[in-house]
Amino acid sequence: MARQSRTFKLRLSPAGMDLLIDSHCHLIRSTRALLAWGTTLHVAVECLETVPTATLRQTLASKPEAGLFGAEEHHLGASRSLREIVSRISERISGPEASRPPPTIAQIYIVALQHLTRTDAETLCATYERMRTAGGADHRKVDLESS
């Protein structure tokens, strides 16, 4: 069965692009694998889903995404399941105790990327491996020696 994927859009400022690059490099260093940009976004959102609801609400209330959104549009390919995970996070944050409107998808992406840069290598490797075996990550590796 073919892996289902789609394109996810990020509108980033130069500082937002730096965040994406830093997140991507941190994940590559942690996994020791050459990964697609969309895999970085997916792993980031998967890791964010494990953060307690109260912590997520507090983080989003502090507007951590300020200055990271921008006019530069970037398209990342990732598994369709990424949308489902983002929906679960949004529903959890905007539950009955929420005092704010639900976060936007873009806010969740930015907070997830920020969280990824602070996530330890062991957690990132476990998250990536779980995604890879579940078929949610592009796990094709580049063989540099055969080129």
N, C-alpha and C. Protein backbone atom coordinates (compact mmCIF):
# COMPACT_ATOMS: atom_id res chain seq x y z
N MET A 1 0.84 -1.18 0.00
CA MET A 1 0.00 0.00 0.00
C MET A 1 0.89 1.23 0.00
N ALA A 2 0.58 2.20 -0.84
CA ALA A 2 1.37 3.43 -0.95
C ALA A 2 1.09 4.34 0.23
N ARG A 3 2.14 5.02 0.64
CA ARG A 3 2.02 5.97 1.75
C ARG A 3 1.25 7.18 1.26
N GLN A 4 0.26 7.61 2.03
CA GLN A 4 -0.55 8.78 1.70
C GLN A 4 0.14 10.03 2.22
N SER A 5 0.34 11.01 1.35
CA SER A 5 0.97 12.24 1.80
C SER A 5 0.26 13.43 1.19
N ARG A 6 0.58 14.59 1.72
CA ARG A 6 0.04 15.83 1.21
C ARG A 6 1.03 16.93 1.53
N THR A 7 0.77 18.11 1.03
CA THR A 7 1.65 19.24 1.25
C THR A 7 1.07 20.14 2.33
N PHE A 8 1.92 20.56 3.25
CA PHE A 8 1.54 21.47 4.31
C PHE A 8 2.27 22.78 4.10
N LYS A 9 1.55 23.88 4.31
CA LYS A 9 2.10 25.20 4.02
C LYS A 9 2.50 25.92 5.30
N LEU A 10 3.71 26.49 5.27
CA LEU A 10 4.18 27.35 6.36
C LEU A 10 4.51 28.72 5.77
N ARG A 11 4.03 29.77 6.41
CA ARG A 11 4.38 31.14 6.02
C ARG A 11 5.30 31.68 7.10
N LEU A 12 6.56 31.83 6.75
CA LEU A 12 7.57 32.15 7.75
C LEU A 12 8.30 33.46 7.46
N SER A 13 8.70 34.12 8.52
CA SER A 13 9.61 35.26 8.43
C SER A 13 11.02 34.68 8.33
N PRO A 14 12.04 35.52 8.10
CA PRO A 14 13.41 34.99 8.14
C PRO A 14 13.73 34.30 9.48
N ALA A 15 13.23 34.84 10.59
CA ALA A 15 13.46 34.20 11.89
C ALA A 15 12.72 32.87 11.97
N GLY A 16 11.54 32.78 11.37
CA GLY A 16 10.79 31.54 11.33
C GLY A 16 11.51 30.49 10.49
N MET A 17 12.11 30.94 9.39
CA MET A 17 12.89 30.02 8.55
C MET A 17 14.10 29.50 9.32
N ASP A 18 14.73 30.37 10.11
CA ASP A 18 15.85 29.93 10.95
C ASP A 18 15.39 28.86 11.94
N LEU A 19 14.19 29.04 12.51
CA LEU A 19 13.64 28.04 13.44
C LEU A 19 13.47 26.70 12.73
N LEU A 20 12.90 26.72 11.52
CA LEU A 20 12.71 25.48 10.76
C LEU A 20 14.06 24.82 10.48
N ILE A 21 15.04 25.59 10.07
CA ILE A 21 16.38 25.05 9.78
C ILE A 21 17.00 24.47 11.04
N ASP A 22 16.93 25.21 12.16
CA ASP A 22 17.49 24.71 13.41
C ASP A 22 16.81 23.41 13.85
N SER A 23 15.49 23.35 13.71
CA SER A 23 14.74 22.14 14.07
C SER A 23 15.16 20.96 13.20
N HIS A 24 15.25 21.21 11.91
CA HIS A 24 15.61 20.17 10.95
C HIS A 24 17.02 19.62 11.26
N CYS A 25 17.96 20.53 11.48
CA CYS A 25 19.33 20.10 11.78
C CYS A 25 19.40 19.32 13.09
N HIS A 26 18.66 19.77 14.10
CA HIS A 26 18.64 19.07 15.39
C HIS A 26 18.09 17.64 15.21
N LEU A 27 17.04 17.50 14.42
CA LEU A 27 16.46 16.17 14.20
C LEU A 27 17.43 15.29 13.41
N ILE A 28 18.06 15.83 12.40
CA ILE A 28 19.02 15.05 11.60
C ILE A 28 20.20 14.60 12.47
N ARG A 29 20.72 15.51 13.28
CA ARG A 29 21.83 15.14 14.17
C ARG A 29 21.39 14.05 15.17
N SER A 30 20.18 14.17 15.65
CA SER A 30 19.68 13.21 16.64
C SER A 30 19.45 11.83 16.05
N THR A 31 18.89 11.77 14.85
CA THR A 31 18.56 10.48 14.23
C THR A 31 19.70 9.93 13.38
N ARG A 32 20.63 10.79 13.02
CA ARG A 32 21.73 10.41 12.12
C ARG A 32 21.19 9.90 10.78
N ALA A 33 20.12 10.53 10.31
CA ALA A 33 19.51 10.17 9.03
C ALA A 33 19.22 11.44 8.24
N LEU A 34 19.34 11.35 6.92
CA LEU A 34 18.96 12.48 6.06
C LEU A 34 17.46 12.40 5.85
N LEU A 35 16.75 13.39 6.37
CA LEU A 35 15.29 13.34 6.39
C LEU A 35 14.69 14.47 5.57
N ALA A 36 13.47 14.25 5.14
CA ALA A 36 12.71 15.27 4.43
C ALA A 36 12.27 16.37 5.40
N TRP A 37 12.09 17.57 4.88
CA TRP A 37 11.66 18.71 5.71
C TRP A 37 10.30 18.43 6.35
N GLY A 38 9.41 17.80 5.63
CA GLY A 38 8.10 17.49 6.18
C GLY A 38 8.16 16.50 7.33
N THR A 39 9.17 15.64 7.31
CA THR A 39 9.35 14.70 8.41
C THR A 39 9.68 15.47 9.69
N THR A 40 10.45 16.54 9.55
CA THR A 40 10.77 17.38 10.71
C THR A 40 9.50 17.96 11.31
N LEU A 41 8.63 18.49 10.47
CA LEU A 41 7.37 19.05 10.96
C LEU A 41 6.53 17.97 11.63
N HIS A 42 6.48 16.80 11.02
CA HIS A 42 5.68 15.70 11.57
C HIS A 42 6.22 15.25 12.93
N VAL A 43 7.53 15.06 13.03
CA VAL A 43 8.12 14.65 14.31
C VAL A 43 7.87 15.73 15.36
N ALA A 44 8.00 16.99 14.98
CA ALA A 44 7.76 18.09 15.91
C ALA A 44 6.34 18.05 16.47
N VAL A 45 5.37 17.84 15.60
CA VAL A 45 3.97 17.81 16.03
C VAL A 45 3.71 16.56 16.88
N GLU A 46 4.30 15.43 16.49
CA GLU A 46 4.15 14.20 17.30
C GLU A 46 4.70 14.43 18.71
N CYS A 47 5.85 15.08 18.81
CA CYS A 47 6.44 15.36 20.14
C CYS A 47 5.56 16.33 20.92
N LEU A 48 5.02 17.33 20.25
CA LEU A 48 4.17 18.31 20.92
C LEU A 48 2.92 17.65 21.50
N GLU A 49 2.43 16.62 20.84
CA GLU A 49 1.22 15.95 21.32
C GLU A 49 1.42 15.33 22.70
N THR A 50 2.65 15.08 23.09
CA THR A 50 2.93 14.48 24.40
C THR A 50 3.03 15.50 25.53
N VAL A 51 3.01 16.78 25.19
CA VAL A 51 3.12 17.84 26.20
C VAL A 51 1.78 17.97 26.92
N PRO A 52 1.80 18.11 28.25
CA PRO A 52 0.54 18.25 28.99
C PRO A 52 -0.28 19.46 28.52
N THR A 53 -1.59 19.31 28.55
CA THR A 53 -2.51 20.34 28.06
C THR A 53 -2.27 21.69 28.73
N ALA A 54 -2.11 21.71 30.03
CA ALA A 54 -1.91 22.98 30.75
C ALA A 54 -0.64 23.68 30.27
N THR A 55 0.40 22.92 30.03
CA THR A 55 1.66 23.49 29.54
C THR A 55 1.47 24.06 28.14
N LEU A 56 0.74 23.34 27.28
CA LEU A 56 0.48 23.83 25.92
C LEU A 56 -0.31 25.14 25.96
N ARG A 57 -1.33 25.18 26.79
CA ARG A 57 -2.14 26.41 26.90
C ARG A 57 -1.28 27.58 27.36
N GLN A 58 -0.46 27.33 28.36
CA GLN A 58 0.40 28.39 28.88
C GLN A 58 1.39 28.85 27.82
N THR A 59 1.97 27.92 27.09
CA THR A 59 2.93 28.25 26.04
C THR A 59 2.26 29.09 24.96
N LEU A 60 1.09 28.67 24.50
CA LEU A 60 0.39 29.41 23.45
C LEU A 60 -0.07 30.79 23.93
N ALA A 61 -0.42 30.91 25.19
CA ALA A 61 -0.85 32.19 25.74
C ALA A 61 0.28 33.21 25.76
N SER A 62 1.52 32.72 25.80
CA SER A 62 2.67 33.64 25.84
C SER A 62 3.08 34.13 24.45
N LYS A 63 2.33 33.75 23.42
CA LYS A 63 2.58 34.17 22.03
C LYS A 63 4.02 33.89 21.57
N PRO A 64 4.47 32.64 21.69
CA PRO A 64 5.86 32.33 21.32
C PRO A 64 6.13 32.45 19.82
N GLU A 65 5.06 32.51 19.04
CA GLU A 65 5.24 32.56 17.58
C GLU A 65 5.47 33.98 17.08
N ALA A 66 5.43 34.97 17.96
CA ALA A 66 5.59 36.37 17.56
C ALA A 66 6.89 36.56 16.76
N GLY A 67 6.76 37.16 15.61
CA GLY A 67 7.91 37.43 14.76
C GLY A 67 8.35 36.27 13.90
N LEU A 68 7.69 35.12 14.00
CA LEU A 68 8.10 33.95 13.23
C LEU A 68 7.24 33.71 11.99
N PHE A 69 6.05 34.30 11.97
CA PHE A 69 5.21 34.22 10.77
C PHE A 69 5.68 35.28 9.79
N GLY A 70 5.49 35.03 8.51
CA GLY A 70 5.92 36.00 7.51
C GLY A 70 5.31 35.73 6.16
N ALA A 71 5.83 36.40 5.16
CA ALA A 71 5.29 36.32 3.81
C ALA A 71 5.89 35.18 2.99
N GLU A 72 7.02 34.66 3.42
CA GLU A 72 7.66 33.57 2.67
C GLU A 72 6.86 32.29 2.84
N GLU A 73 6.37 31.76 1.74
CA GLU A 73 5.56 30.55 1.79
C GLU A 73 6.43 29.34 1.48
N HIS A 74 6.37 28.33 2.35
CA HIS A 74 7.15 27.11 2.19
C HIS A 74 6.19 25.92 2.24
N HIS A 75 6.40 24.98 1.33
CA HIS A 75 5.52 23.80 1.25
C HIS A 75 6.33 22.57 1.63
N LEU A 76 5.82 21.84 2.63
CA LEU A 76 6.49 20.65 3.13
C LEU A 76 5.59 19.44 2.93
N GLY A 77 6.14 18.39 2.37
CA GLY A 77 5.38 17.16 2.19
C GLY A 77 5.46 16.31 3.45
N ALA A 78 4.33 15.85 3.91
CA ALA A 78 4.28 15.00 5.11
C ALA A 78 3.07 14.07 5.01
N SER A 79 3.04 13.11 5.89
CA SER A 79 1.94 12.17 5.94
C SER A 79 0.62 12.88 6.22
N ARG A 80 -0.44 12.35 5.65
CA ARG A 80 -1.78 12.92 5.89
C ARG A 80 -2.15 12.86 7.37
N SER A 81 -1.56 11.95 8.10
CA SER A 81 -1.89 11.83 9.52
C SER A 81 -1.47 13.06 10.33
N LEU A 82 -0.61 13.90 9.77
CA LEU A 82 -0.20 15.12 10.46
C LEU A 82 -1.40 15.99 10.77
N ARG A 83 -2.32 16.12 9.85
CA ARG A 83 -3.53 16.92 10.06
C ARG A 83 -4.35 16.38 11.23
N GLU A 84 -4.45 15.06 11.34
CA GLU A 84 -5.19 14.44 12.45
C GLU A 84 -4.55 14.76 13.80
N ILE A 85 -3.23 14.71 13.85
CA ILE A 85 -2.53 15.00 15.11
C ILE A 85 -2.74 16.45 15.50
N VAL A 86 -2.63 17.36 14.54
CA VAL A 86 -2.85 18.79 14.81
C VAL A 86 -4.28 19.01 15.30
N SER A 87 -5.24 18.33 14.71
CA SER A 87 -6.64 18.45 15.15
C SER A 87 -6.81 17.98 16.59
N ARG A 88 -6.16 16.87 16.94
CA ARG A 88 -6.26 16.37 18.32
C ARG A 88 -5.66 17.37 19.31
N ILE A 89 -4.52 17.96 18.95
CA ILE A 89 -3.89 18.96 19.82
C ILE A 89 -4.82 20.15 19.99
N SER A 90 -5.37 20.64 18.88
CA SER A 90 -6.25 21.81 18.91
C SER A 90 -7.49 21.54 19.76
N GLU A 91 -8.09 20.37 19.59
CA GLU A 91 -9.28 20.01 20.38
C GLU A 91 -8.95 19.93 21.87
N ARG A 92 -7.81 19.37 22.17
CA ARG A 92 -7.41 19.22 23.57
C ARG A 92 -7.19 20.60 24.21
N ILE A 93 -6.54 21.50 23.48
CA ILE A 93 -6.25 22.84 24.01
C ILE A 93 -7.52 23.67 24.14
N SER A 94 -8.45 23.48 23.23
CA SER A 94 -9.67 24.30 23.25
C SER A 94 -10.82 23.59 23.95
N GLY A 95 -10.49 22.71 24.89
CA GLY A 95 -11.50 21.99 25.66
C GLY A 95 -12.31 22.92 26.54
N PRO A 96 -13.18 22.36 27.37
CA PRO A 96 -14.10 23.16 28.19
C PRO A 96 -13.43 24.15 29.13
N GLU A 97 -12.20 23.86 29.58
CA GLU A 97 -11.52 24.77 30.51
C GLU A 97 -10.77 25.89 29.80
N ALA A 98 -10.76 25.88 28.49
CA ALA A 98 -9.99 26.88 27.74
C ALA A 98 -10.58 28.27 27.90
N SER A 99 -9.71 29.24 28.07
CA SER A 99 -10.16 30.62 28.22
C SER A 99 -9.87 31.43 26.96
N ARG A 100 -9.28 30.81 25.97
CA ARG A 100 -8.93 31.48 24.71
C ARG A 100 -9.51 30.72 23.53
N PRO A 101 -9.59 31.39 22.37
CA PRO A 101 -10.03 30.66 21.18
C PRO A 101 -8.99 29.59 20.81
N PRO A 102 -9.40 28.59 20.03
CA PRO A 102 -8.45 27.53 19.67
C PRO A 102 -7.27 28.10 18.88
N PRO A 103 -6.10 27.48 19.01
CA PRO A 103 -4.94 27.96 18.26
C PRO A 103 -5.11 27.67 16.77
N THR A 104 -4.42 28.45 15.96
CA THR A 104 -4.43 28.18 14.52
C THR A 104 -3.47 27.02 14.24
N ILE A 105 -3.61 26.44 13.09
CA ILE A 105 -2.69 25.36 12.68
C ILE A 105 -1.27 25.91 12.64
N ALA A 106 -1.11 27.12 12.12
CA ALA A 106 0.22 27.74 12.02
C ALA A 106 0.84 27.92 13.40
N GLN A 107 0.05 28.32 14.39
CA GLN A 107 0.58 28.47 15.75
C GLN A 107 1.06 27.13 16.29
N ILE A 108 0.29 26.09 16.04
CA ILE A 108 0.69 24.75 16.51
C ILE A 108 1.99 24.33 15.83
N TYR A 109 2.13 24.58 14.53
CA TYR A 109 3.36 24.22 13.83
C TYR A 109 4.57 24.94 14.44
N ILE A 110 4.44 26.24 14.68
CA ILE A 110 5.55 27.02 15.21
C ILE A 110 5.93 26.53 16.62
N VAL A 111 4.94 26.35 17.48
CA VAL A 111 5.21 25.88 18.84
C VAL A 111 5.83 24.49 18.79
N ALA A 112 5.38 23.65 17.87
CA ALA A 112 5.95 22.30 17.74
C ALA A 112 7.42 22.37 17.33
N LEU A 113 7.74 23.24 16.39
CA LEU A 113 9.14 23.37 15.96
C LEU A 113 10.00 23.91 17.10
N GLN A 114 9.47 24.87 17.85
CA GLN A 114 10.21 25.38 19.01
C GLN A 114 10.45 24.27 20.03
N HIS A 115 9.44 23.48 20.27
CA HIS A 115 9.55 22.37 21.23
C HIS A 115 10.58 21.35 20.75
N LEU A 116 10.60 21.07 19.46
CA LEU A 116 11.53 20.09 18.91
C LEU A 116 12.98 20.49 19.20
N THR A 117 13.29 21.78 19.10
CA THR A 117 14.68 22.22 19.32
C THR A 117 15.14 21.98 20.76
N ARG A 118 14.18 21.80 21.68
CA ARG A 118 14.51 21.57 23.10
C ARG A 118 14.30 20.10 23.50
N THR A 119 13.97 19.25 22.54
CA THR A 119 13.70 17.85 22.83
C THR A 119 14.99 17.04 22.71
N ASP A 120 15.20 16.15 23.67
CA ASP A 120 16.44 15.36 23.68
C ASP A 120 16.48 14.35 22.54
N ALA A 121 17.69 13.95 22.18
CA ALA A 121 17.91 13.05 21.04
C ALA A 121 17.21 11.71 21.21
N GLU A 122 17.21 11.17 22.41
CA GLU A 122 16.57 9.87 22.65
C GLU A 122 15.07 9.93 22.34
N THR A 123 14.41 10.99 22.78
CA THR A 123 12.97 11.16 22.52
C THR A 123 12.72 11.34 21.03
N LEU A 124 13.56 12.13 20.38
CA LEU A 124 13.39 12.35 18.93
C LEU A 124 13.58 11.06 18.15
N CYS A 125 14.58 10.29 18.51
CA CYS A 125 14.82 9.01 17.81
C CYS A 125 13.64 8.05 18.01
N ALA A 126 13.12 8.00 19.22
CA ALA A 126 11.99 7.11 19.49
C ALA A 126 10.75 7.57 18.72
N THR A 127 10.52 8.86 18.67
CA THR A 127 9.37 9.40 17.94
C THR A 127 9.51 9.14 16.45
N TYR A 128 10.69 9.40 15.91
CA TYR A 128 10.94 9.16 14.48
C TYR A 128 10.77 7.67 14.16
N GLU A 129 11.31 6.80 14.98
CA GLU A 129 11.21 5.35 14.72
C GLU A 129 9.76 4.90 14.77
N ARG A 130 9.00 5.42 15.72
CA ARG A 130 7.57 5.09 15.82
C ARG A 130 6.83 5.53 14.56
N MET A 131 7.13 6.73 14.07
CA MET A 131 6.50 7.22 12.84
C MET A 131 6.91 6.38 11.64
N ARG A 132 8.20 6.09 11.57
CA ARG A 132 8.73 5.34 10.43
C ARG A 132 8.10 3.96 10.33
N THR A 133 7.99 3.27 11.44
CA THR A 133 7.42 1.93 11.40
C THR A 133 5.91 1.97 11.19
N ALA A 134 5.28 3.08 11.55
CA ALA A 134 3.84 3.22 11.33
C ALA A 134 3.54 3.71 9.92
N GLY A 135 4.58 4.04 9.16
CA GLY A 135 4.39 4.50 7.79
C GLY A 135 4.13 5.99 7.67
N GLY A 136 4.36 6.76 8.74
CA GLY A 136 4.08 8.18 8.70
C GLY A 136 5.25 9.05 8.28
N ALA A 137 6.42 8.46 8.10
CA ALA A 137 7.59 9.26 7.73
C ALA A 137 8.17 8.74 6.44
N ASP A 138 8.77 9.66 5.70
CA ASP A 138 9.50 9.29 4.50
C ASP A 138 10.85 8.74 4.98
N HIS A 139 10.99 7.43 5.00
CA HIS A 139 12.16 6.83 5.59
C HIS A 139 13.19 6.39 4.56
N ARG A 140 13.08 6.89 3.34
CA ARG A 140 14.10 6.56 2.35
C ARG A 140 15.38 7.29 2.74
N LYS A 141 16.46 6.57 2.79
CA LYS A 141 17.75 7.16 3.15
C LYS A 141 18.61 7.26 1.89
N VAL A 142 19.47 8.23 1.89
CA VAL A 142 20.35 8.45 0.76
C VAL A 142 21.65 7.68 1.00
N ASP A 143 22.03 6.86 0.03
CA ASP A 143 23.29 6.12 0.12
C ASP A 143 24.34 6.93 -0.61
N LEU A 144 25.17 7.67 0.13
CA LEU A 144 26.16 8.55 -0.49
C LEU A 144 27.31 7.79 -1.10
N GLU A 145 27.55 6.57 -0.64
CA GLU A 145 28.68 5.80 -1.17
C GLU A 145 28.41 5.23 -2.56
N SER A 146 27.16 5.02 -2.92
CA SER A 146 26.86 4.42 -4.23
C SER A 146 26.71 5.49 -5.30
N SER A 147 26.79 6.73 -4.96
CA SER A 147 26.64 7.82 -5.95
C SER A 147 27.89 8.00 -6.75
